[in-house]
C-alpha atoms as a PDB file:
ATOM      1  CA  MET A   1      50.384 -45.441  22.185  1.00  0.00           C
ATOM      2  CA  GLY A   2      49.092 -42.505  24.208  1.00  0.00           C
ATOM      3  CA  ARG A   3      51.671 -39.939  23.014  1.00  0.00           C
ATOM      4  CA  GLY A   4      51.274 -40.322  19.297  1.00  0.00           C
ATOM      5  CA  ARG A   5      53.462 -42.047  16.783  1.00  0.00           C
ATOM      6  CA  GLY A   6      56.577 -40.596  15.308  1.00  0.00           C
ATOM      7  CA  VAL A   7      57.551 -38.561  18.345  1.00  0.00           C
ATOM      8  CA  ILE A   8      61.108 -38.680  19.582  1.00  0.00           C
ATOM      9  CA  ARG A   9      61.605 -41.575  21.956  1.00  0.00           C
ATOM     10  CA  VAL A  10      64.527 -43.112  23.763  1.00  0.00           C
ATOM     11  CA  ILE A  11      65.263 -46.471  22.251  1.00  0.00           C
ATOM     12  CA  VAL A  12      68.121 -48.463  23.499  1.00  0.00           C
ATOM     13  CA  GLY A  13      70.122 -50.381  21.190  1.00  0.00           C
ATOM     14  CA  ALA A  14      70.789 -48.666  23.682  1.00  0.00           C
ATOM     15  CA  LEU A  15      67.327 -49.878  24.889  1.00  0.00           C
ATOM     16  CA  LEU A  16      66.823 -53.491  23.895  1.00  0.00           C
ATOM     17  CA  LEU A  17      69.835 -55.059  25.509  1.00  0.00           C
ATOM     18  CA  GLY A  18      71.059 -58.603  25.207  1.00  0.00           C
ATOM     19  CA  GLY A  19      68.759 -61.447  26.129  1.00  0.00           C
ATOM     20  CA  CYS A  20      65.727 -59.345  26.978  1.00  0.00           C
ATOM     21  CA  ALA A  21      65.864 -57.911  23.465  1.00  0.00           C
ATOM     22  CA  GLN A  22      64.964 -61.239  21.915  1.00  0.00           C
ATOM     23  CA  PHE A  23      61.727 -61.337  23.869  1.00  0.00           C
ATOM     24  CA  TYR A  24      60.422 -58.306  22.027  1.00  0.00           C
ATOM     25  CA  TRP A  25      61.956 -58.752  18.588  1.00  0.00           C
ATOM     26  CA  SER A  26      62.752 -61.985  16.800  1.00  0.00           C
ATOM     27  CA  LYS A  27      64.438 -63.233  13.661  1.00  0.00           C
ATOM     28  CA  PRO A  28      64.956 -66.803  12.459  1.00  0.00           C
ATOM     29  CA  ASN A  29      68.206 -67.987  14.032  1.00  0.00           C
ATOM     30  CA  GLY A  30      68.827 -64.481  15.334  1.00  0.00           C
ATOM     31  CA  THR A  31      70.898 -64.107  18.486  1.00  0.00           C
ATOM     32  CA  ALA A  32      70.888 -61.472  21.195  1.00  0.00           C
ATOM     33  CA  GLU A  33      74.299 -60.284  20.034  1.00  0.00           C
ATOM     34  CA  GLN A  34      73.056 -59.886  16.459  1.00  0.00           C
ATOM     35  CA  PHE A  35      70.043 -57.947  17.645  1.00  0.00           C
ATOM     36  CA  ASP A  36      72.199 -55.718  19.795  1.00  0.00           C
ATOM     37  CA  ARG A  37      74.357 -54.785  16.798  1.00  0.00           C
ATOM     38  CA  ALA A  38      71.297 -54.173  14.615  1.00  0.00           C
ATOM     39  CA  SER A  39      69.601 -52.134  17.318  1.00  0.00           C
ATOM     40  CA  ARG A  40      72.630 -49.894  17.783  1.00  0.00           C
ATOM     41  CA  GLU A  41      72.965 -49.388  14.044  1.00  0.00           C
ATOM     42  CA  CYS A  42      69.299 -48.480  13.672  1.00  0.00           C
ATOM     43  CA  ALA A  43      69.328 -46.209  16.711  1.00  0.00           C
ATOM     44  CA  ARG A  44      72.285 -44.359  15.201  1.00  0.00           C
ATOM     45  CA  ASP A  45      70.489 -43.945  11.873  1.00  0.00           C
ATOM     46  CA  ALA A  46      67.254 -42.820  13.538  1.00  0.00           C
ATOM     47  CA  ALA A  47      68.768 -40.156  15.797  1.00  0.00           C
ATOM     48  CA  PRO A  48      67.906 -36.606  14.664  1.00  0.00           C
ATOM     49  CA  THR A  49      71.213 -35.148  15.897  1.00  0.00           C
ATOM     50  CA  PRO A  50      74.585 -36.430  17.200  1.00  0.00           C
ATOM     51  CA  THR A  51      73.643 -35.217  20.678  1.00  0.00           C
ATOM     52  CA  ALA A  52      70.383 -37.152  20.536  1.00  0.00           C
ATOM     53  CA  ALA A  53      72.300 -40.218  19.377  1.00  0.00           C
ATOM     54  CA  ALA A  54      74.605 -39.937  22.376  1.00  0.00           C
ATOM     55  CA  HIS A  55      71.580 -40.110  24.692  1.00  0.00           C
ATOM     56  CA  GLY A  56      69.771 -42.823  22.724  1.00  0.00           C
ATOM     57  CA  ILE A  57      67.014 -40.452  21.597  1.00  0.00           C
ATOM     58  CA  VAL A  58      65.677 -41.542  18.235  1.00  0.00           C
ATOM     59  CA  ASP A  59      62.695 -41.319  15.916  1.00  0.00           C
ATOM     60  CA  GLU A  60      60.584 -44.343  16.748  1.00  0.00           C
ATOM     61  CA  ARG A  61      59.242 -44.883  13.245  1.00  0.00           C
ATOM     62  CA  ILE A  62      62.660 -44.793  11.582  1.00  0.00           C
ATOM     63  CA  TYR A  63      64.099 -47.100  14.232  1.00  0.00           C
ATOM     64  CA  ARG A  64      61.362 -49.681  13.804  1.00  0.00           C
ATOM     65  CA  ALA A  65      61.469 -49.483  10.006  1.00  0.00           C
ATOM     66  CA  CYS A  66      65.227 -50.008  10.070  1.00  0.00           C
ATOM     67  CA  LEU A  67      64.943 -53.123  12.238  1.00  0.00           C
ATOM     68  CA  SER A  68      62.173 -54.477  10.027  1.00  0.00           C
ATOM     69  CA  ALA A  69      64.330 -53.908   6.939  1.00  0.00           C
ATOM     70  CA  LEU A  70      67.051 -55.987   8.575  1.00  0.00           C
ATOM     71  CA  GLY A  71      64.631 -58.876   9.043  1.00  0.00           C
ATOM     72  CA  TRP A  72      63.678 -58.399  12.691  1.00  0.00           C
ATOM     73  CA  ARG A  73      60.019 -58.764  13.604  1.00  0.00           C
ATOM     74  CA  ARG A  74      57.958 -58.125  16.695  1.00  0.00           C
ATOM     75  CA  PRO A  75      56.010 -61.196  17.877  1.00  0.00           C
ATOM     76  CA  LEU A  76      52.240 -60.991  17.562  1.00  0.00           C
ATOM     77  CA  GLY A  77      50.901 -59.291  20.657  1.00  0.00           C
ATOM     78  CA  GLY A  78      54.406 -58.361  21.761  1.00  0.00           C
ATOM     79  CA  PHE A  79      55.594 -55.010  22.919  1.00  0.00           C
ATOM     80  CA  GLU A  80      56.473 -52.321  20.424  1.00  0.00           C
ATOM     81  CA  ALA A  81      59.953 -50.887  20.247  1.00  0.00           C
ATOM     82  CA  SER A  82      59.237 -47.601  21.936  1.00  0.00           C
ATOM     83  CA  SER A  83      60.177 -46.253  25.321  1.00  0.00           C
ATOM     84  CA  ARG A  84      56.585 -46.581  26.481  1.00  0.00           C
ATOM     85  CA  ASP A  85      55.918 -50.100  25.236  1.00  0.00           C
ATOM     86  CA  VAL A  86      59.243 -51.854  25.611  1.00  0.00           C
ATOM     87  CA  LEU A  87      59.609 -50.489  29.088  1.00  0.00           C
ATOM     88  CA  SER A  88      56.069 -51.255  30.227  1.00  0.00           C
ATOM     89  CA  PRO A  89      55.200 -52.544  32.669  1.00  0.00           C
ATOM     90  CA  ALA A  90      58.032 -51.234  34.794  1.00  0.00           C
ATOM     91  CA  THR A  91      57.437 -53.961  37.361  1.00  0.00           C
ATOM     92  CA  THR A  92      57.482 -57.684  36.844  1.00  0.00           C
ATOM     93  CA  HIS A  93      54.759 -59.931  38.247  1.00  0.00           C
ATOM     94  CA  ASP A  94      55.603 -62.788  40.580  1.00  0.00           C
ATOM     95  CA  LEU A  95      53.242 -65.534  39.445  1.00  0.00           C
ATOM     96  CA  THR A  96      54.176 -67.764  42.359  1.00  0.00           C
ATOM     97  CA  ARG A  97      53.088 -65.180  44.935  1.00  0.00           C
ATOM     98  CA  GLY A  98      50.383 -63.410  42.993  1.00  0.00           C
ATOM     99  CA  GLY A  99      51.762 -59.926  43.587  1.00  0.00           C
ATOM    100  CA  PRO A 100      54.164 -57.356  42.144  1.00  0.00           C
ATOM    101  CA  ALA A 101      57.867 -58.080  42.346  1.00  0.00           C
ATOM    102  CA  MET A 102      60.770 -55.633  42.284  1.00  0.00           C
ATOM    103  CA  ALA A 103      60.729 -53.048  39.517  1.00  0.00           C
ATOM    104  CA  ASP A 104      62.778 -54.134  36.545  1.00  0.00           C
ATOM    105  CA  PRO A 105      66.109 -52.252  36.834  1.00  0.00           C
ATOM    106  CA  THR A 106      66.576 -51.911  33.074  1.00  0.00           C
ATOM    107  CA  SER A 107      63.106 -50.441  32.663  1.00  0.00           C
ATOM    108  CA  VAL A 108      63.529 -48.005  35.528  1.00  0.00           C
ATOM    109  CA  LEU A 109      66.958 -46.831  34.372  1.00  0.00           C
ATOM    110  CA  LEU A 110      66.009 -46.324  30.752  1.00  0.00           C
ATOM    111  CA  THR A 111      62.733 -44.590  31.526  1.00  0.00           C
ATOM    112  CA  ALA A 112      64.440 -42.353  34.080  1.00  0.00           C
ATOM    113  CA  ARG A 113      67.107 -41.383  31.548  1.00  0.00           C
ATOM    114  CA  LEU A 114      64.401 -40.407  29.101  1.00  0.00           C
ATOM    115  CA  GLU A 115      62.540 -38.311  31.660  1.00  0.00           C
ATOM    116  CA  LEU A 116      65.652 -36.655  33.091  1.00  0.00           C
ATOM    117  CA  ALA A 117      66.725 -35.632  29.594  1.00  0.00           C
ATOM    118  CA  ARG A 118      63.551 -33.551  29.193  1.00  0.00           C
ATOM    119  CA  LEU A 119      64.026 -30.925  31.888  1.00  0.00           C
ATOM    120  CA  PRO A 120      66.788 -28.693  30.430  1.00  0.00           C
ATOM    121  CA  ALA A 121      64.761 -27.961  27.294  1.00  0.00           C
ATOM    122  CA  VAL A 122      61.610 -27.394  29.353  1.00  0.00           C
ATOM    123  CA  LEU A 123      63.420 -24.886  31.558  1.00  0.00           C
ATOM    124  CA  ASP A 124      64.827 -23.122  28.522  1.00  0.00           C
ATOM    125  CA  GLY A 125      61.316 -22.842  27.100  1.00  0.00           C
ATOM    126  CA  LEU A 126      59.809 -21.485  30.311  1.00  0.00           C
ATOM    127  CA  LEU A 127      62.629 -19.149  31.282  1.00  0.00           C
ATOM    128  CA  GLY A 128      64.340 -18.207  28.021  1.00  0.00           C
ATOM    129  CA  ASP A 129      62.860 -14.705  27.800  1.00  0.00           C
ATOM    130  CA  LEU A 130      61.816 -14.165  31.408  1.00  0.00           C
ATOM    131  CA  ASP A 131      61.836 -10.534  32.498  1.00  0.00           C
ATOM    132  CA  PRO A 132      64.954  -9.832  34.624  1.00  0.00           C
ATOM    133  CA  ALA A 133      62.830  -8.633  37.553  1.00  0.00           C
ATOM    134  CA  ASP A 134      60.746 -11.788  37.500  1.00  0.00           C
ATOM    135  CA  TRP A 135      63.795 -14.003  37.952  1.00  0.00           C
ATOM    136  CA  ARG A 136      64.083 -12.758  41.549  1.00  0.00           C
ATOM    137  CA  ALA A 137      60.379 -12.225  42.301  1.00  0.00           C
ATOM    138  CA  ARG A 138      58.841 -14.519  44.906  1.00  0.00           C
ATOM    139  CA  PRO A 139      55.149 -15.362  44.507  1.00  0.00           C
ATOM    140  CA  VAL A 140      54.751 -15.099  48.293  1.00  0.00           C
ATOM    141  CA  ALA A 141      57.384 -14.422  50.918  1.00  0.00           C
ATOM    142  CA  PRO A 142      58.183 -18.016  52.005  1.00  0.00           C
ATOM    143  CA  GLU A 143      58.410 -19.368  48.455  1.00  0.00           C
ATOM    144  CA  TRP A 144      61.350 -19.355  46.086  1.00  0.00           C
ATOM    145  CA  ALA A 145      61.819 -17.073  43.089  1.00  0.00           C
ATOM    146  CA  PRO A 146      62.614 -18.691  39.716  1.00  0.00           C
ATOM    147  CA  VAL A 147      66.359 -18.125  40.113  1.00  0.00           C
ATOM    148  CA  GLU A 148      66.261 -19.856  43.511  1.00  0.00           C
ATOM    149  CA  ILE A 149      64.488 -22.862  42.025  1.00  0.00           C
ATOM    150  CA  VAL A 150      67.098 -23.143  39.270  1.00  0.00           C
ATOM    151  CA  CYS A 151      69.956 -22.855  41.770  1.00  0.00           C
ATOM    152  CA  HIS A 152      68.347 -25.575  43.864  1.00  0.00           C
ATOM    153  CA  LEU A 153      68.109 -27.880  40.845  1.00  0.00           C
ATOM    154  CA  ARG A 154      71.737 -27.096  39.958  1.00  0.00           C
ATOM    155  CA  ASP A 155      73.061 -28.065  43.390  1.00  0.00           C
ATOM    156  CA  GLU A 156      70.789 -31.045  43.957  1.00  0.00           C
ATOM    157  CA  GLU A 157      72.029 -32.486  40.666  1.00  0.00           C
ATOM    158  CA  VAL A 158      75.480 -33.234  42.062  1.00  0.00           C
ATOM    159  CA  GLU A 159      75.146 -33.006  45.850  1.00  0.00           C
ATOM    160  CA  ASP A 160      71.955 -35.010  46.283  1.00  0.00           C
ATOM    161  CA  PHE A 161      70.737 -37.353  43.560  1.00  0.00           C
ATOM    162  CA  GLY A 162      73.912 -37.766  41.529  1.00  0.00           C
ATOM    163  CA  ALA A 163      76.044 -38.233  44.641  1.00  0.00           C
ATOM    164  CA  ARG A 164      73.635 -40.617  46.347  1.00  0.00           C
ATOM    165  CA  VAL A 165      73.177 -42.859  43.328  1.00  0.00           C
ATOM    166  CA  ARG A 166      76.959 -43.202  43.293  1.00  0.00           C
ATOM    167  CA  VAL A 167      76.994 -44.125  46.985  1.00  0.00           C
ATOM    168  CA  ALA A 168      74.533 -46.938  46.296  1.00  0.00           C
ATOM    169  CA  LEU A 169      76.500 -48.162  43.267  1.00  0.00           C
ATOM    170  CA  GLU A 170      79.771 -48.129  45.187  1.00  0.00           C
ATOM    171  CA  GLY A 171      78.359 -50.085  48.123  1.00  0.00           C
ATOM    172  CA  GLY A 172      78.553 -47.175  50.560  1.00  0.00           C
ATOM    173  CA  SER A 173      76.996 -47.388  54.004  1.00  0.00           C
ATOM    174  CA  ARG A 174      75.735 -43.828  54.445  1.00  0.00           C
ATOM    175  CA  PHE A 175      74.782 -40.688  52.569  1.00  0.00           C
ATOM    176  CA  THR A 176      76.435 -37.324  53.137  1.00  0.00           C
ATOM    177  CA  PRO A 177      73.858 -35.101  54.899  1.00  0.00           C
ATOM    178  CA  ILE A 178      72.312 -32.301  52.848  1.00  0.00           C
ATOM    179  CA  ASP A 179      70.376 -29.153  53.773  1.00  0.00           C
ATOM    180  CA  PRO A 180      68.834 -27.525  50.677  1.00  0.00           C
ATOM    181  CA  GLU A 181      66.905 -24.900  52.643  1.00  0.00           C
ATOM    182  CA  ARG A 182      70.093 -23.726  54.331  1.00  0.00           C
ATOM    183  CA  TRP A 183      71.959 -23.743  51.004  1.00  0.00           C
ATOM    184  CA  ALA A 184      69.410 -21.322  49.566  1.00  0.00           C
ATOM    185  CA  GLU A 185      70.282 -18.753  52.230  1.00  0.00           C
ATOM    186  CA  GLU A 186      73.995 -19.389  52.691  1.00  0.00           C
ATOM    187  CA  ARG A 187      74.714 -19.586  48.982  1.00  0.00           C
ATOM    188  CA  ARG A 188      72.544 -16.543  48.268  1.00  0.00           C
ATOM    189  CA  TYR A 189      70.504 -18.186  45.557  1.00  0.00           C
ATOM    190  CA  ARG A 190      68.334 -15.139  45.039  1.00  0.00           C
ATOM    191  CA  ASP A 191      71.371 -13.019  44.166  1.00  0.00           C
ATOM    192  CA  ALA A 192      72.816 -15.505  41.680  1.00  0.00           C
ATOM    193  CA  ASP A 193      73.145 -14.815  37.967  1.00  0.00           C
ATOM    194  CA  PRO A 194      70.160 -16.730  36.554  1.00  0.00           C
ATOM    195  CA  TRP A 195      71.792 -17.481  33.204  1.00  0.00           C
ATOM    196  CA  GLU A 196      74.906 -18.857  34.865  1.00  0.00           C
ATOM    197  CA  ALA A 197      72.775 -20.992  37.161  1.00  0.00           C
ATOM    198  CA  LEU A 198      70.736 -22.318  34.253  1.00  0.00           C
ATOM    199  CA  ALA A 199      73.863 -23.068  32.210  1.00  0.00           C
ATOM    200  CA  ALA A 200      75.461 -24.841  35.164  1.00  0.00           C
ATOM    201  CA  PHE A 201      72.361 -26.976  35.664  1.00  0.00           C
ATOM    202  CA  ARG A 202      72.318 -27.826  31.966  1.00  0.00           C
ATOM    203  CA  ASP A 203      75.976 -28.920  32.076  1.00  0.00           C
ATOM    204  CA  ARG A 204      75.463 -30.969  35.230  1.00  0.00           C
ATOM    205  CA  ARG A 205      72.392 -32.697  33.849  1.00  0.00           C
ATOM    206  CA  LYS A 206      74.325 -33.556  30.675  1.00  0.00           C
ATOM    207  CA  ALA A 207      77.058 -35.114  32.824  1.00  0.00           C
ATOM    208  CA  SER A 208      74.447 -36.995  34.865  1.00  0.00           C
ATOM    209  CA  LEU A 209      72.908 -38.481  31.726  1.00  0.00           C
ATOM    210  CA  ALA A 210      76.325 -39.571  30.483  1.00  0.00           C
ATOM    211  CA  PHE A 211      77.006 -41.196  33.851  1.00  0.00           C
ATOM    212  CA  LEU A 212      73.654 -42.997  33.915  1.00  0.00           C
ATOM    213  CA  ALA A 213      74.251 -44.305  30.400  1.00  0.00           C
ATOM    214  CA  SER A 214      77.252 -46.200  31.797  1.00  0.00           C
ATOM    215  CA  VAL A 215      75.480 -47.714  34.809  1.00  0.00           C
ATOM    216  CA  PRO A 216      74.774 -51.484  34.772  1.00  0.00           C
ATOM    217  CA  PRO A 217      71.043 -51.629  35.661  1.00  0.00           C
ATOM    218  CA  ASP A 218      71.316 -54.551  38.095  1.00  0.00           C
ATOM    219  CA  ARG A 219      73.706 -52.616  40.329  1.00  0.00           C
ATOM    220  CA  LEU A 220      70.933 -50.132  41.091  1.00  0.00           C
ATOM    221  CA  THR A 221      69.261 -52.634  43.403  1.00  0.00           C
ATOM    222  CA  ALA A 222      71.935 -51.939  46.052  1.00  0.00           C
ATOM    223  CA  SER A 223      70.586 -49.905  48.962  1.00  0.00           C
ATOM    224  CA  VAL A 224      71.894 -47.571  51.654  1.00  0.00           C
ATOM    225  CA  GLU A 225      70.554 -46.724  55.108  1.00  0.00           C
ATOM    226  CA  HIS A 226      68.524 -43.513  55.297  1.00  0.00           C
ATOM    227  CA  PRO A 227      67.609 -41.907  58.657  1.00  0.00           C
ATOM    228  CA  ARG A 228      63.990 -41.241  57.686  1.00  0.00           C
ATOM    229  CA  LEU A 229      63.146 -43.802  55.000  1.00  0.00           C
ATOM    230  CA  ARG A 230      65.143 -46.742  56.432  1.00  0.00           C
ATOM    231  CA  ARG A 231      66.784 -47.847  53.185  1.00  0.00           C
ATOM    232  CA  LEU A 232      67.003 -46.336  49.703  1.00  0.00           C
ATOM    233  CA  SER A 233      68.152 -48.272  46.662  1.00  0.00           C
ATOM    234  CA  GLY A 234      69.628 -46.830  43.515  1.00  0.00           C
ATOM    235  CA  LEU A 235      66.264 -47.521  41.875  1.00  0.00           C
ATOM    236  CA  ASP A 236      64.462 -45.550  44.601  1.00  0.00           C
ATOM    237  CA  LEU A 237      66.792 -42.638  44.001  1.00  0.00           C
ATOM    238  CA  LEU A 238      66.278 -42.696  40.239  1.00  0.00           C
ATOM    239  CA  VAL A 239      62.503 -42.631  40.589  1.00  0.00           C
ATOM    240  CA  ALA A 240      62.778 -39.859  43.182  1.00  0.00           C
ATOM    241  CA  TRP A 241      65.112 -37.890  40.899  1.00  0.00           C
ATOM    242  CA  VAL A 242      62.472 -37.745  38.170  1.00  0.00           C
ATOM    243  CA  ALA A 243      59.758 -36.927  40.722  1.00  0.00           C
ATOM    244  CA  HIS A 244      61.977 -34.113  42.058  1.00  0.00           C
ATOM    245  CA  ASP A 245      62.203 -32.615  38.556  1.00  0.00           C
ATOM    246  CA  ARG A 246      58.435 -32.682  38.234  1.00  0.00           C
ATOM    247  CA  LEU A 247      57.751 -31.261  41.676  1.00  0.00           C
ATOM    248  CA  HIS A 248      59.990 -28.271  41.010  1.00  0.00           C
ATOM    249  CA  LEU A 249      58.638 -27.862  37.510  1.00  0.00           C
ATOM    250  CA  ALA A 250      55.167 -27.619  39.074  1.00  0.00           C
ATOM    251  CA  GLN A 251      56.543 -25.140  41.617  1.00  0.00           C
ATOM    252  CA  LEU A 252      58.124 -23.049  38.884  1.00  0.00           C
ATOM    253  CA  SER A 253      54.984 -23.151  36.747  1.00  0.00           C
ATOM    254  CA  GLY A 254      52.883 -22.002  39.682  1.00  0.00           C
ATOM    255  CA  THR A 255      55.279 -19.155  40.391  1.00  0.00           C
ATOM    256  CA  LEU A 256      55.255 -18.012  36.774  1.00  0.00           C
ATOM    257  CA  ALA A 257      51.450 -18.200  36.667  1.00  0.00           C
ATOM    258  CA  ARG A 258      51.222 -15.988  39.752  1.00  0.00           C
ATOM    259  CA  LEU A 259      53.747 -13.489  38.381  1.00  0.00           C
ATOM    260  CA  TRP A 260      51.861 -13.361  35.070  1.00  0.00           C
ATOM    261  CA  ALA A 261      48.507 -12.798  36.775  1.00  0.00           C
ATOM    262  CA  THR A 262      49.976 -10.053  38.932  1.00  0.00           C
ATOM    263  CA  ARG A 263      51.561  -8.336  35.955  1.00  0.00           C
ATOM    264  CA  TRP A 264      48.227  -7.974  34.168  1.00  0.00           C
ATOM    265  CA  ALA A 265      45.944  -7.281  37.129  1.00  0.00           C
ATOM    266  CA  PRO A 266      43.137  -6.299  37.271  1.00  0.00           C
ATOM    267  CA  LEU A 267      42.572  -8.445  34.193  1.00  0.00           C
ATOM    268  CA  ARG A 268      40.960 -11.684  35.322  1.00  0.00           C
ATOM    269  CA  ALA A 269      43.648 -14.315  34.882  1.00  0.00           C
ATOM    270  CA  ASP A 270      41.783 -16.397  37.462  1.00  0.00           C
ATOM    271  CA  TYR A 271      39.201 -17.182  34.791  1.00  0.00           C
ATOM    272  CA  ALA A 272      41.719 -19.922  33.863  1.00  0.00           C
ATOM    273  CA  GLY A 273      41.338 -21.454  37.317  1.00  0.00           C
ATOM    274  CA  PRO A 274      42.806 -20.891  40.778  1.00  0.00           C
ATOM    275  CA  ILE A 275      46.206 -19.180  40.536  1.00  0.00           C
ATOM    276  CA  PRO A 276      48.754 -20.611  42.997  1.00  0.00           C
ATOM    277  CA  TYR A 277      50.155 -18.643  45.906  1.00  0.00           C
ATOM    278  CA  GLY A 278      47.522 -15.914  46.266  1.00  0.00           C
ATOM    279  CA  ALA A 279      48.807 -12.350  46.364  1.00  0.00           C
ATOM    280  CA  PRO A 280      52.535 -11.836  45.666  1.00  0.00           C
ATOM    281  CA  GLY A 281      54.964 -10.739  48.299  1.00  0.00           C
ATOM    282  CA  GLY A 282      58.563 -10.952  49.465  1.00  0.00           C
END
């Protein structure tokens, strides 16, 4: 499994929708509609909290045991009912051409929802007791301080990724231009209240997840012209949205590592490995 059994996963009963569900789970004379009802019931029972249930986040073992108790079985050699296994591989294989076909929209959407749901808790863990001075400290002059990174994530949530996915879904012909670097200066990110920025991001991400839960996966194949990348589909944007989270999480982690090393100098934090950004400044 790679991540261990019993961890919290996103399962769609929610996850195993309609006809594709029957490929992974079977029951004598069972129909897709029957499986969908059973899957939703089990997902509800296996959710640790009401909030988790709303996002389809459940305990994998309880979910699978519930389905088994209702008479559903996985075919021998079939995929397991977890976010990793049911959703893998994320691309289908075109046997007539011998190469990869388009990524499966259901797999991309469900996996992206799982990954996007992670970031608020990760940010809370990293920043929950950050020293007030460190919120505004830049690791080096050109780089952003933690509060600037959080403000960037807050604004990108609705003005970039959320907005552009909607353009694709609505059949729009162009994206509204954005300028995140300019926003950082004009909107005075470094002077923002970090707790307000973090709370606003958390609320916007919650709204994004609720929106994505309502999106029909097949509509994400629609694409829109982009001046640099030619065309971007809703699927492209979803994958980029998750990558954006991870890029800025890496940026934030590097900044915090540099601030930590500087705080305790001359102790040799670099024994751990190269510390990003060199000497602090700005």
